[in-house]
N, C-alpha and C. Protein backbone atom coordinates (compact mmCIF):
# COMPACT_ATOMS: atom_id res chain seq x y z
N MET A 1 100.53 108.55 86.04
CA MET A 1 99.88 107.36 86.56
C MET A 1 99.17 107.72 87.86
N SER A 2 97.97 107.24 87.99
CA SER A 2 97.15 107.49 89.16
C SER A 2 97.24 106.29 90.11
N ILE A 3 96.94 106.54 91.37
CA ILE A 3 97.00 105.45 92.34
C ILE A 3 95.63 105.26 92.99
N ASP A 4 94.57 105.46 92.24
CA ASP A 4 93.27 105.21 92.83
C ASP A 4 92.31 104.50 91.88
N GLY A 5 92.49 104.66 90.60
CA GLY A 5 91.64 103.96 89.65
C GLY A 5 90.20 104.44 89.61
N THR A 6 89.93 105.65 90.06
CA THR A 6 88.56 106.16 90.03
C THR A 6 88.16 106.55 88.62
N GLU A 7 86.92 106.96 88.48
CA GLU A 7 86.40 107.32 87.16
C GLU A 7 87.12 108.52 86.55
N LEU A 8 87.85 109.28 87.35
CA LEU A 8 88.62 110.41 86.82
C LEU A 8 89.69 109.95 85.84
N CYS A 9 90.16 108.72 85.99
CA CYS A 9 91.17 108.19 85.06
C CYS A 9 90.62 108.07 83.65
N ASP A 10 89.34 107.76 83.53
CA ASP A 10 88.70 107.66 82.21
C ASP A 10 88.25 109.02 81.70
N GLN A 11 88.03 109.97 82.59
CA GLN A 11 87.55 111.29 82.18
C GLN A 11 88.68 112.21 81.74
N SER A 12 89.90 111.95 82.16
CA SER A 12 91.02 112.81 81.78
C SER A 12 91.42 112.54 80.34
N ARG A 13 92.08 113.48 79.73
CA ARG A 13 92.57 113.32 78.36
C ARG A 13 94.05 113.61 78.35
N PRO A 14 94.92 112.70 78.00
CA PRO A 14 94.62 111.31 77.67
C PRO A 14 94.17 110.53 78.89
N LYS A 15 93.52 109.41 78.66
CA LYS A 15 93.06 108.58 79.78
C LYS A 15 94.27 108.08 80.54
N MET A 16 94.18 108.14 81.88
CA MET A 16 95.33 107.92 82.74
C MET A 16 95.45 106.46 83.20
N THR A 17 96.64 105.90 83.06
CA THR A 17 96.95 104.57 83.60
C THR A 17 96.85 104.64 85.12
N SER A 18 96.38 103.57 85.75
CA SER A 18 96.22 103.63 87.20
C SER A 18 96.50 102.29 87.86
N VAL A 19 96.85 102.38 89.12
CA VAL A 19 96.88 101.21 90.00
C VAL A 19 95.49 101.20 90.63
N THR A 20 94.71 100.16 90.33
CA THR A 20 93.33 100.11 90.77
C THR A 20 93.19 99.16 91.94
N GLN A 21 92.50 99.67 92.98
CA GLN A 21 92.32 98.92 94.20
C GLN A 21 90.83 98.71 94.45
N ASN A 22 90.49 97.68 95.17
CA ASN A 22 89.10 97.40 95.50
C ASN A 22 88.78 98.11 96.83
N PHE A 23 88.19 99.31 96.73
CA PHE A 23 87.91 100.10 97.93
C PHE A 23 86.88 99.44 98.83
N ARG A 24 85.91 98.75 98.25
CA ARG A 24 84.91 98.06 99.07
C ARG A 24 85.58 96.97 99.91
N LEU A 25 86.45 96.19 99.29
CA LEU A 25 87.17 95.14 100.02
C LEU A 25 88.06 95.75 101.11
N MET A 26 88.72 96.86 100.79
CA MET A 26 89.57 97.52 101.78
C MET A 26 88.75 97.95 103.00
N GLY A 27 87.58 98.54 102.77
CA GLY A 27 86.72 98.99 103.86
C GLY A 27 86.17 97.84 104.67
N THR A 28 85.71 96.81 103.99
CA THR A 28 85.17 95.63 104.67
C THR A 28 86.24 94.97 105.54
N GLN A 29 87.43 94.83 104.98
CA GLN A 29 88.53 94.20 105.73
C GLN A 29 88.92 95.04 106.94
N ALA A 30 88.96 96.36 106.78
CA ALA A 30 89.33 97.25 107.89
C ALA A 30 88.33 97.15 109.03
N VAL A 31 87.04 97.18 108.71
CA VAL A 31 86.01 97.07 109.74
C VAL A 31 86.08 95.71 110.42
N SER A 32 86.28 94.67 109.64
CA SER A 32 86.38 93.32 110.19
C SER A 32 87.55 93.20 111.16
N GLU A 33 88.68 93.77 110.77
CA GLU A 33 89.86 93.67 111.64
C GLU A 33 89.73 94.54 112.89
N LEU A 34 89.01 95.65 112.79
CA LEU A 34 88.77 96.46 113.98
C LEU A 34 87.81 95.75 114.94
N ALA A 35 86.82 95.07 114.39
CA ALA A 35 85.82 94.39 115.21
C ALA A 35 86.39 93.15 115.89
N THR A 36 87.26 92.44 115.21
CA THR A 36 87.85 91.22 115.77
C THR A 36 89.35 91.21 115.47
N PRO A 37 90.14 91.89 116.30
CA PRO A 37 91.59 91.99 116.05
C PRO A 37 92.33 90.69 116.36
N LYS A 38 92.16 89.69 115.51
CA LYS A 38 92.76 88.37 115.74
C LYS A 38 94.16 88.25 115.15
N ASN A 39 94.47 89.06 114.16
CA ASN A 39 95.77 88.98 113.48
C ASN A 39 96.68 90.12 113.89
N GLN A 40 96.91 90.27 115.16
CA GLN A 40 97.73 91.37 115.64
C GLN A 40 99.13 91.29 115.05
N GLY A 41 99.54 92.36 114.39
CA GLY A 41 100.88 92.41 113.82
C GLY A 41 100.95 91.89 112.39
N ASN A 42 99.92 91.19 111.93
CA ASN A 42 99.91 90.68 110.57
C ASN A 42 99.29 91.71 109.62
N VAL A 43 99.75 91.71 108.40
CA VAL A 43 99.24 92.63 107.40
C VAL A 43 98.38 91.86 106.42
N THR A 44 97.17 92.35 106.19
CA THR A 44 96.29 91.74 105.20
C THR A 44 96.58 92.36 103.85
N LYS A 45 96.84 91.54 102.85
CA LYS A 45 97.14 92.04 101.52
C LYS A 45 95.86 92.19 100.71
N ILE A 46 95.68 93.35 100.13
CA ILE A 46 94.53 93.62 99.27
C ILE A 46 95.03 93.58 97.83
N PRO A 47 94.43 92.77 96.98
CA PRO A 47 94.89 92.68 95.59
C PRO A 47 94.68 94.00 94.84
N PHE A 48 95.51 94.22 93.84
CA PHE A 48 95.40 95.41 93.00
C PHE A 48 95.76 95.02 91.58
N LYS A 49 95.46 95.90 90.64
CA LYS A 49 95.87 95.66 89.26
C LYS A 49 96.24 96.99 88.62
N ILE A 50 97.10 96.91 87.62
CA ILE A 50 97.49 98.09 86.86
C ILE A 50 96.64 98.11 85.60
N GLU A 51 95.84 99.16 85.45
CA GLU A 51 95.01 99.32 84.26
C GLU A 51 95.72 100.26 83.30
N GLU A 52 96.21 99.70 82.23
CA GLU A 52 96.94 100.50 81.25
C GLU A 52 95.95 101.25 80.37
N ARG A 53 96.14 102.57 80.31
CA ARG A 53 95.31 103.40 79.45
C ARG A 53 96.24 104.18 78.52
N GLN A 54 95.84 105.33 78.09
CA GLN A 54 96.57 106.07 77.08
C GLN A 54 97.86 106.71 77.58
N THR A 55 98.09 106.80 78.87
CA THR A 55 99.33 107.41 79.37
C THR A 55 100.44 106.39 79.57
N THR A 56 100.19 105.14 79.22
CA THR A 56 101.23 104.12 79.35
C THR A 56 102.18 104.20 78.19
N TRP A 57 103.45 104.27 78.50
CA TRP A 57 104.48 104.26 77.46
C TRP A 57 105.16 102.92 77.49
N LEU A 58 105.06 102.20 76.40
CA LEU A 58 105.61 100.84 76.35
C LEU A 58 106.99 100.79 75.69
N GLY A 59 107.56 101.96 75.39
CA GLY A 59 108.91 101.99 74.86
C GLY A 59 109.01 101.68 73.38
N HIS A 60 107.91 101.76 72.67
CA HIS A 60 107.97 101.53 71.21
C HIS A 60 107.03 102.44 70.48
């Protein structure tokens, strides 16, 4: 299982299951928080999803 969800997950054989993150949102949020540090001590949650591909074993 990969933890980046990049195009390498589709290029590998078998295709690799991944935790996919929105890198653009992560970058935008980081710059925003650096520019205006209003939430000191708070953690901003970035949504993610698990993309099941051919390396997922479902137990059957």
